[in-house]
């Protein structure tokens, strides 16, 4: 299965950098390239944040396969992310 995910961050804050690093590491370790990850900076692209009703960052959304699922906040907990987004590791 191939997943499409969107990670919403706010600039290059420590929380944003940590979220990007954590999710990239998790996806590479668990899904070995069978995913698409788009990183959206809500400070540079506020309309995209409005489109997905992003109220807090970091927010990670599994867009495909539907239905969309989201995890907000700390993305360093592997089990929380996998469970929250209903992702099945290979």
PDB file of N, CA and C in Angstrom:
ATOM      1  N   UNK A   1       0.845  -1.176   0.000  1.00  0.00           N
ATOM      2  CA  UNK A   1       0.000   0.000   0.000  1.00  0.00           C
ATOM      3  C   UNK A   1       0.892   1.243   0.000  1.00  0.00           C
ATOM      4  N   UNK A   2       0.482   2.255  -0.712  1.00  0.00           N
ATOM      5  CA  UNK A   2       1.204   3.527  -0.780  1.00  0.00           C
ATOM      6  C   UNK A   2       0.375   4.592  -0.057  1.00  0.00           C
ATOM      7  N   UNK A   3       1.030   5.327   0.825  1.00  0.00           N
ATOM      8  CA  UNK A   3       0.374   6.360   1.610  1.00  0.00           C
ATOM      9  C   UNK A   3       0.766   7.750   1.107  1.00  0.00           C
ATOM     10  N   UNK A   4      -0.165   8.677   1.170  1.00  0.00           N
ATOM     11  CA  UNK A   4       0.104  10.084   0.906  1.00  0.00           C
ATOM     12  C   UNK A   4      -0.158  10.840   2.198  1.00  0.00           C
ATOM     13  N   UNK A   5       0.865  11.576   2.645  1.00  0.00           N
ATOM     14  CA  UNK A   5       0.777  12.292   3.909  1.00  0.00           C
ATOM     15  C   UNK A   5       1.164  13.746   3.722  1.00  0.00           C
ATOM     16  N   UNK A   6       0.574  14.604   4.561  1.00  0.00           N
ATOM     17  CA  UNK A   6       0.914  16.025   4.581  1.00  0.00           C
ATOM     18  C   UNK A   6       1.281  16.390   6.011  1.00  0.00           C
ATOM     19  N   UNK A   7       2.443  17.013   6.144  1.00  0.00           N
ATOM     20  CA  UNK A   7       2.905  17.467   7.446  1.00  0.00           C
ATOM     21  C   UNK A   7       2.883  18.990   7.456  1.00  0.00           C
ATOM     22  N   UNK A   8       2.108  19.553   8.365  1.00  0.00           N
ATOM     23  CA  UNK A   8       1.992  21.003   8.512  1.00  0.00           C
ATOM     24  C   UNK A   8       2.855  21.444   9.683  1.00  0.00           C
ATOM     25  N   UNK A   9       3.784  22.371   9.404  1.00  0.00           N
ATOM     26  CA  UNK A   9       4.672  22.916  10.418  1.00  0.00           C
ATOM     27  C   UNK A   9       4.623  24.438  10.343  1.00  0.00           C
ATOM     28  N   UNK A  10       5.165  25.087  11.370  1.00  0.00           N
ATOM     29  CA  UNK A  10       5.197  26.556  11.404  1.00  0.00           C
ATOM     30  C   UNK A  10       6.643  27.021  11.438  1.00  0.00           C
ATOM     31  N   UNK A  11       7.202  27.300  10.276  1.00  0.00           N
ATOM     32  CA  UNK A  11       8.567  27.800  10.183  1.00  0.00           C
ATOM     33  C   UNK A  11       9.598  26.748  10.546  1.00  0.00           C
ATOM     34  N   UNK A  12      10.759  27.228  11.005  1.00  0.00           N
ATOM     35  CA  UNK A  12      11.869  26.336  11.353  1.00  0.00           C
ATOM     36  C   UNK A  12      12.109  26.330  12.854  1.00  0.00           C
ATOM     37  N   UNK A  13      11.027  26.253  13.605  1.00  0.00           N
ATOM     38  CA  UNK A  13      11.125  26.192  15.057  1.00  0.00           C
ATOM     39  C   UNK A  13      11.667  24.830  15.476  1.00  0.00           C
ATOM     40  N   UNK A  14      12.158  24.700  16.707  1.00  0.00           N
ATOM     41  CA  UNK A  14      12.621  23.389  17.169  1.00  0.00           C
ATOM     42  C   UNK A  14      11.539  22.307  17.045  1.00  0.00           C
ATOM     43  N   UNK A  15      10.285  22.644  17.336  1.00  0.00           N
ATOM     44  CA  UNK A  15       9.198  21.666  17.217  1.00  0.00           C
ATOM     45  C   UNK A  15       9.008  21.233  15.768  1.00  0.00           C
ATOM     46  N   UNK A  16       9.104  22.171  14.846  1.00  0.00           N
ATOM     47  CA  UNK A  16       8.943  21.844  13.424  1.00  0.00           C
ATOM     48  C   UNK A  16      10.079  20.950  12.936  1.00  0.00           C
ATOM     49  N   UNK A  17      11.294  21.311  13.284  1.00  0.00           N
ATOM     50  CA  UNK A  17      12.458  20.527  12.869  1.00  0.00           C
ATOM     51  C   UNK A  17      12.380  19.116  13.446  1.00  0.00           C
ATOM     52  N   UNK A  18      11.995  19.011  14.712  1.00  0.00           N
ATOM     53  CA  UNK A  18      11.865  17.700  15.358  1.00  0.00           C
ATOM     54  C   UNK A  18      10.763  16.868  14.699  1.00  0.00           C
ATOM     55  N   UNK A  19       9.644  17.494  14.361  1.00  0.00           N
ATOM     56  CA  UNK A  19       8.534  16.779  13.719  1.00  0.00           C
ATOM     57  C   UNK A  19       8.950  16.255  12.347  1.00  0.00           C
ATOM     58  N   UNK A  20       9.625  17.084  11.561  1.00  0.00           N
ATOM     59  CA  UNK A  20      10.074  16.664  10.229  1.00  0.00           C
ATOM     60  C   UNK A  20      11.041  15.496  10.346  1.00  0.00           C
ATOM     61  N   UNK A  21      12.002  15.617  11.230  1.00  0.00           N
ATOM     62  CA  UNK A  21      12.988  14.555  11.427  1.00  0.00           C
ATOM     63  C   UNK A  21      12.324  13.257  11.888  1.00  0.00           C
ATOM     64  N   UNK A  22      11.429  13.360  12.861  1.00  0.00           N
ATOM     65  CA  UNK A  22      10.757  12.169  13.409  1.00  0.00           C
ATOM     66  C   UNK A  22       9.930  11.452  12.358  1.00  0.00           C
ATOM     67  N   UNK A  23       9.141  12.202  11.603  1.00  0.00           N
ATOM     68  CA  UNK A  23       8.255  11.536  10.646  1.00  0.00           C
ATOM     69  C   UNK A  23       9.044  10.975   9.464  1.00  0.00           C
ATOM     70  N   UNK A  24      10.079  11.667   9.016  1.00  0.00           N
ATOM     71  CA  UNK A  24      10.910  11.127   7.931  1.00  0.00           C
ATOM     72  C   UNK A  24      11.579   9.823   8.372  1.00  0.00           C
ATOM     73  N   UNK A  25      12.104   9.804   9.594  1.00  0.00           N
ATOM     74  CA  UNK A  25      12.752   8.597  10.111  1.00  0.00           C
ATOM     75  C   UNK A  25      11.748   7.447  10.211  1.00  0.00           C
ATOM     76  N   UNK A  26      10.577   7.715  10.766  1.00  0.00           N
ATOM     77  CA  UNK A  26       9.551   6.679  10.903  1.00  0.00           C
ATOM     78  C   UNK A  26       9.150   6.132   9.532  1.00  0.00           C
ATOM     79  N   UNK A  27       8.884   7.019   8.590  1.00  0.00           N
ATOM     80  CA  UNK A  27       8.432   6.573   7.273  1.00  0.00           C
ATOM     81  C   UNK A  27       9.501   5.765   6.545  1.00  0.00           C
ATOM     82  N   UNK A  28      10.746   6.196   6.619  1.00  0.00           N
ATOM     83  CA  UNK A  28      11.812   5.446   5.950  1.00  0.00           C
ATOM     84  C   UNK A  28      12.027   4.083   6.606  1.00  0.00           C
ATOM     85  N   UNK A  29      11.966   4.045   7.932  1.00  0.00           N
ATOM     86  CA  UNK A  29      12.174   2.775   8.637  1.00  0.00           C
ATOM     87  C   UNK A  29      11.030   1.797   8.430  1.00  0.00           C
ATOM     88  N   UNK A  30       9.807   2.297   8.369  1.00  0.00           N
ATOM     89  CA  UNK A  30       8.639   1.419   8.323  1.00  0.00           C
ATOM     90  C   UNK A  30       8.085   1.186   6.922  1.00  0.00           C
ATOM     91  N   UNK A  31       8.228   2.158   6.033  1.00  0.00           N
ATOM     92  CA  UNK A  31       7.538   2.078   4.744  1.00  0.00           C
ATOM     93  C   UNK A  31       8.461   2.095   3.532  1.00  0.00           C
ATOM     94  N   UNK A  32       9.747   2.244   3.739  1.00  0.00           N
ATOM     95  CA  UNK A  32      10.759   2.068   2.697  1.00  0.00           C
ATOM     96  C   UNK A  32      10.403   2.697   1.357  1.00  0.00           C
ATOM     97  N   UNK A  33       9.962   3.928   1.377  1.00  0.00           N
ATOM     98  CA  UNK A  33       9.694   4.647   0.140  1.00  0.00           C
ATOM     99  C   UNK A  33       8.306   4.455  -0.442  1.00  0.00           C
ATOM    100  N   UNK A  34       7.454   3.669   0.191  1.00  0.00           N
ATOM    101  CA  UNK A  34       6.101   3.483  -0.349  1.00  0.00           C
ATOM    102  C   UNK A  34       5.147   4.521   0.247  1.00  0.00           C
ATOM    103  N   UNK A  35       5.571   5.776   0.172  1.00  0.00           N
ATOM    104  CA  UNK A  35       4.780   6.887   0.681  1.00  0.00           C
ATOM    105  C   UNK A  35       5.181   8.161  -0.063  1.00  0.00           C
ATOM    106  N   UNK A  36       4.297   9.128   0.007  1.00  0.00           N
ATOM    107  CA  UNK A  36       4.585  10.481  -0.471  1.00  0.00           C
ATOM    108  C   UNK A  36       4.362  11.389   0.724  1.00  0.00           C
ATOM    109  N   UNK A  37       5.356  12.199   1.050  1.00  0.00           N
ATOM    110  CA  UNK A  37       5.252  13.134   2.163  1.00  0.00           C
ATOM    111  C   UNK A  37       5.414  14.547   1.629  1.00  0.00           C
ATOM    112  N   UNK A  38       4.416  15.375   1.875  1.00  0.00           N
ATOM    113  CA  UNK A  38       4.489  16.789   1.524  1.00  0.00           C
ATOM    114  C   UNK A  38       4.580  17.578   2.823  1.00  0.00           C
ATOM    115  N   UNK A  39       5.574  18.461   2.906  1.00  0.00           N
ATOM    116  CA  UNK A  39       5.757  19.288   4.088  1.00  0.00           C
ATOM    117  C   UNK A  39       5.299  20.697   3.743  1.00  0.00           C
ATOM    118  N   UNK A  40       4.350  21.201   4.523  1.00  0.00           N
ATOM    119  CA  UNK A  40       3.767  22.522   4.272  1.00  0.00           C
ATOM    120  C   UNK A  40       4.064  23.425   5.460  1.00  0.00           C
ATOM    121  N   UNK A  41       4.711  24.548   5.181  1.00  0.00           N
ATOM    122  CA  UNK A  41       4.964  25.563   6.199  1.00  0.00           C
ATOM    123  C   UNK A  41       3.760  26.505   6.196  1.00  0.00           C
ATOM    124  N   UNK A  42       3.015  26.490   7.282  1.00  0.00           N
ATOM    125  CA  UNK A  42       1.785  27.290   7.335  1.00  0.00           C
ATOM    126  C   UNK A  42       2.064  28.793   7.341  1.00  0.00           C
ATOM    127  N   UNK A  43       3.280  29.181   7.687  1.00  0.00           N
ATOM    128  CA  UNK A  43       3.632  30.598   7.647  1.00  0.00           C
ATOM    129  C   UNK A  43       3.814  31.075   6.204  1.00  0.00           C
ATOM    130  N   UNK A  44       4.270  30.183   5.348  1.00  0.00           N
ATOM    131  CA  UNK A  44       4.470  30.511   3.929  1.00  0.00           C
ATOM    132  C   UNK A  44       3.231  30.206   3.095  1.00  0.00           C
ATOM    133  N   UNK A  45       2.417  29.257   3.530  1.00  0.00           N
ATOM    134  CA  UNK A  45       1.247  28.808   2.776  1.00  0.00           C
ATOM    135  C   UNK A  45       0.010  28.751   3.669  1.00  0.00           C
ATOM    136  N   UNK A  46      -0.445  29.889   4.163  1.00  0.00           N
ATOM    137  CA  UNK A  46      -1.584  29.865   5.089  1.00  0.00           C
ATOM    138  C   UNK A  46      -2.868  29.330   4.466  1.00  0.00           C
ATOM    139  N   UNK A  47      -3.047  29.487   3.167  1.00  0.00           N
ATOM    140  CA  UNK A  47      -4.273  28.996   2.529  1.00  0.00           C
ATOM    141  C   UNK A  47      -4.364  27.471   2.610  1.00  0.00           C
ATOM    142  N   UNK A  48      -3.240  26.793   2.450  1.00  0.00           N
ATOM    143  CA  UNK A  48      -3.261  25.329   2.562  1.00  0.00           C
ATOM    144  C   UNK A  48      -3.642  24.898   3.975  1.00  0.00           C
ATOM    145  N   UNK A  49      -3.200  25.646   4.961  1.00  0.00           N
ATOM    146  CA  UNK A  49      -3.586  25.340   6.340  1.00  0.00           C
ATOM    147  C   UNK A  49      -5.081  25.545   6.531  1.00  0.00           C
ATOM    148  N   UNK A  50      -5.618  26.595   5.955  1.00  0.00           N
ATOM    149  CA  UNK A  50      -7.058  26.843   6.053  1.00  0.00           C
ATOM    150  C   UNK A  50      -7.858  25.757   5.346  1.00  0.00           C
ATOM    151  N   UNK A  51      -7.374  25.310   4.196  1.00  0.00           N
ATOM    152  CA  UNK A  51      -8.076  24.276   3.429  1.00  0.00           C
ATOM    153  C   UNK A  51      -8.265  22.994   4.237  1.00  0.00           C
ATOM    154  N   UNK A  52      -7.286  22.651   5.073  1.00  0.00           N
ATOM    155  CA  UNK A  52      -7.360  21.430   5.877  1.00  0.00           C
ATOM    156  C   UNK A  52      -7.713  21.716   7.339  1.00  0.00           C
ATOM    157  N   UNK A  53      -8.117  22.970   7.630  1.00  0.00           N
ATOM    158  CA  UNK A  53      -8.521  23.362   8.977  1.00  0.00           C
ATOM    159  C   UNK A  53      -7.452  23.029  10.020  1.00  0.00           C
ATOM    160  N   UNK A  54      -6.218  23.444   9.714  1.00  0.00           N
ATOM    161  CA  UNK A  54      -5.097  23.225  10.621  1.00  0.00           C
ATOM    162  C   UNK A  54      -5.132  24.315  11.688  1.00  0.00           C
ATOM    163  N   UNK A  55      -5.287  23.905  12.940  1.00  0.00           N
ATOM    164  CA  UNK A  55      -5.366  24.845  14.044  1.00  0.00           C
ATOM    165  C   UNK A  55      -4.115  24.829  14.905  1.00  0.00           C
ATOM    166  N   UNK A  56      -3.302  23.781  14.786  1.00  0.00           N
ATOM    167  CA  UNK A  56      -2.083  23.650  15.580  1.00  0.00           C
ATOM    168  C   UNK A  56      -1.033  22.939  14.746  1.00  0.00           C
ATOM    169  N   UNK A  57       0.220  23.226  15.054  1.00  0.00           N
ATOM    170  CA  UNK A  57       1.311  22.540  14.371  1.00  0.00           C
ATOM    171  C   UNK A  57       2.237  21.936  15.416  1.00  0.00           C
ATOM    172  N   UNK A  58       2.921  20.868  15.092  1.00  0.00           N
ATOM    173  CA  UNK A  58       2.820  20.137  13.837  1.00  0.00           C
ATOM    174  C   UNK A  58       1.544  19.303  13.779  1.00  0.00           C
ATOM    175  N   UNK A  59       1.017  19.164  12.573  1.00  0.00           N
ATOM    176  CA  UNK A  59      -0.113  18.283  12.295  1.00  0.00           C
ATOM    177  C   UNK A  59       0.256  17.418  11.108  1.00  0.00           C
ATOM    178  N   UNK A  60       0.074  16.115  11.261  1.00  0.00           N
ATOM    179  CA  UNK A  60       0.340  15.163  10.187  1.00  0.00           C
ATOM    180  C   UNK A  60      -0.989  14.558   9.761  1.00  0.00           C
ATOM    181  N   UNK A  61      -1.268  14.614   8.458  1.00  0.00           N
ATOM    182  CA  UNK A  61      -2.524  14.075   7.924  1.00  0.00           C
ATOM    183  C   UNK A  61      -2.221  12.984   6.917  1.00  0.00           C
ATOM    184  N   UNK A  62      -2.888  11.849   7.086  1.00  0.00           N
ATOM    185  CA  UNK A  62      -2.864  10.817   6.051  1.00  0.00           C
ATOM    186  C   UNK A  62      -3.994  11.164   5.096  1.00  0.00           C
ATOM    187  N   UNK A  63      -3.637  11.544   3.877  1.00  0.00           N
ATOM    188  CA  UNK A  63      -4.609  11.955   2.880  1.00  0.00           C
ATOM    189  C   UNK A  63      -5.123  10.753   2.102  1.00  0.00           C
ATOM    190  N   UNK A  64      -4.202   9.888   1.708  1.00  0.00           N
ATOM    191  CA  UNK A  64      -4.561   8.685   0.950  1.00  0.00           C
ATOM    192  C   UNK A  64      -3.992   7.479   1.660  1.00  0.00           C
ATOM    193  N   UNK A  65      -4.672   6.396   1.744  1.00  0.00           N
ATOM    194  CA  UNK A  65      -6.031   6.182   1.268  1.00  0.00           C
ATOM    195  C   UNK A  65      -7.049   6.844   2.193  1.00  0.00           C
ATOM    196  N   UNK A  66      -8.221   7.184   1.626  1.00  0.00           N
ATOM    197  CA  UNK A  66      -9.271   7.801   2.439  1.00  0.00           C
ATOM    198  C   UNK A  66      -9.819   6.809   3.456  1.00  0.00           C
ATOM    199  N   UNK A  67     -10.450   7.287   4.491  1.00  0.00           N
ATOM    200  CA  UNK A  67     -10.716   8.674   4.853  1.00  0.00           C
ATOM    201  C   UNK A  67      -9.474   9.297   5.487  1.00  0.00           C
ATOM    202  N   UNK A  68      -9.353  10.623   5.430  1.00  0.00           N
ATOM    203  CA  UNK A  68      -8.215  11.292   6.052  1.00  0.00           C
ATOM    204  C   UNK A  68      -8.175  11.051   7.560  1.00  0.00           C
ATOM    205  N   UNK A  69      -6.956  10.927   8.081  1.00  0.00           N
ATOM    206  CA  UNK A  69      -6.724  10.775   9.529  1.00  0.00           C
ATOM    207  C   UNK A  69      -5.635  11.752   9.898  1.00  0.00           C
ATOM    208  N   UNK A  70      -5.632  12.228  11.150  1.00  0.00           N
ATOM    209  CA  UNK A  70      -4.612  13.196  11.555  1.00  0.00           C
ATOM    210  C   UNK A  70      -4.082  12.939  12.950  1.00  0.00           C
ATOM    211  N   UNK A  71      -2.833  13.354  13.136  1.00  0.00           N
ATOM    212  CA  UNK A  71      -2.167  13.333  14.435  1.00  0.00           C
ATOM    213  C   UNK A  71      -1.611  14.731  14.652  1.00  0.00           C
ATOM    214  N   UNK A  72      -1.847  15.283  15.831  1.00  0.00           N
ATOM    215  CA  UNK A  72      -1.411  16.643  16.148  1.00  0.00           C
ATOM    216  C   UNK A  72      -0.412  16.581  17.295  1.00  0.00           C
ATOM    217  N   UNK A  73       0.654  17.363  17.165  1.00  0.00           N
ATOM    218  CA  UNK A  73       1.624  17.465  18.255  1.00  0.00           C
ATOM    219  C   UNK A  73       2.843  16.601  18.038  1.00  0.00           C
ATOM    220  N   UNK A  74       3.332  16.020  19.106  1.00  0.00           N
ATOM    221  CA  UNK A  74       4.572  15.255  19.103  1.00  0.00           C
ATOM    222  C   UNK A  74       4.464  14.045  18.170  1.00  0.00           C
ATOM    223  N   UNK A  75       5.360  13.979  17.198  1.00  0.00           N
ATOM    224  CA  UNK A  75       5.350  12.872  16.237  1.00  0.00           C
ATOM    225  C   UNK A  75       6.483  11.880  16.494  1.00  0.00           C
ATOM    226  N   UNK A  76       7.122  11.980  17.648  1.00  0.00           N
ATOM    227  CA  UNK A  76       8.251  11.102  17.927  1.00  0.00           C
ATOM    228  C   UNK A  76       7.821   9.733  18.457  1.00  0.00           C
ATOM    229  N   UNK A  77       6.568   9.602  18.879  1.00  0.00           N
ATOM    230  CA  UNK A  77       6.079   8.326  19.387  1.00  0.00           C
ATOM    231  C   UNK A  77       5.561   7.485  18.223  1.00  0.00           C
ATOM    232  N   UNK A  78       6.354   6.514  17.808  1.00  0.00           N
ATOM    233  CA  UNK A  78       6.056   5.667  16.652  1.00  0.00           C
ATOM    234  C   UNK A  78       4.657   5.055  16.738  1.00  0.00           C
ATOM    235  N   UNK A  79       4.345   4.437  17.868  1.00  0.00           N
ATOM    236  CA  UNK A  79       3.065   3.737  18.005  1.00  0.00           C
ATOM    237  C   UNK A  79       1.888   4.702  17.928  1.00  0.00           C
ATOM    238  N   UNK A  80       2.026   5.885  18.529  1.00  0.00           N
ATOM    239  CA  UNK A  80       0.964   6.891  18.486  1.00  0.00           C
ATOM    240  C   UNK A  80       0.691   7.330  17.049  1.00  0.00           C
ATOM    241  N   UNK A  81       1.740   7.553  16.288  1.00  0.00           N
ATOM    242  CA  UNK A  81       1.592   7.988  14.898  1.00  0.00           C
ATOM    243  C   UNK A  81       0.972   6.880  14.057  1.00  0.00           C
ATOM    244  N   UNK A  82       1.502   5.675  14.169  1.00  0.00           N
ATOM    245  CA  UNK A  82       0.961   4.556  13.368  1.00  0.00           C
ATOM    246  C   UNK A  82      -0.502   4.291  13.696  1.00  0.00           C
ATOM    247  N   UNK A  83      -0.846   4.303  14.974  1.00  0.00           N
ATOM    248  CA  UNK A  83      -2.216   4.052  15.401  1.00  0.00           C
ATOM    249  C   UNK A  83      -3.132   5.210  15.020  1.00  0.00           C
ATOM    250  N   UNK A  84      -2.689   6.432  15.274  1.00  0.00           N
ATOM    251  CA  UNK A  84      -3.504   7.610  15.003  1.00  0.00           C
ATOM    252  C   UNK A  84      -3.843   7.780  13.527  1.00  0.00           C
ATOM    253  N   UNK A  85      -2.904   7.392  12.664  1.00  0.00           N
ATOM    254  CA  UNK A  85      -3.134   7.528  11.227  1.00  0.00           C
ATOM    255  C   UNK A  85      -3.607   6.229  10.584  1.00  0.00           C
ATOM    256  N   UNK A  86      -3.731   5.196  11.409  1.00  0.00           N
ATOM    257  CA  UNK A  86      -4.148   3.888  10.906  1.00  0.00           C
ATOM    258  C   UNK A  86      -3.231   3.424   9.794  1.00  0.00           C
ATOM    259  N   UNK A  87      -1.918   3.505  10.064  1.00  0.00           N
ATOM    260  CA  UNK A  87      -0.908   3.071   9.101  1.00  0.00           C
ATOM    261  C   UNK A  87      -0.489   1.651   9.440  1.00  0.00           C
ATOM    262  N   UNK A  88      -0.322   0.841   8.436  1.00  0.00           N
ATOM    263  CA  UNK A  88       0.120  -0.529   8.611  1.00  0.00           C
ATOM    264  C   UNK A  88       1.535  -0.650   8.074  1.00  0.00           C
ATOM    265  N   UNK A  89       2.477  -0.917   8.982  1.00  0.00           N
ATOM    266  CA  UNK A  89       3.867  -1.053   8.575  1.00  0.00           C
ATOM    267  C   UNK A  89       4.058  -2.358   7.821  1.00  0.00           C
ATOM    268  N   UNK A  90       5.050  -2.343   6.932  1.00  0.00           N
ATOM    269  CA  UNK A  90       5.336  -3.555   6.137  1.00  0.00           C
ATOM    270  C   UNK A  90       5.964  -4.615   6.999  1.00  0.00           C
TER     271      UNK A  90
END
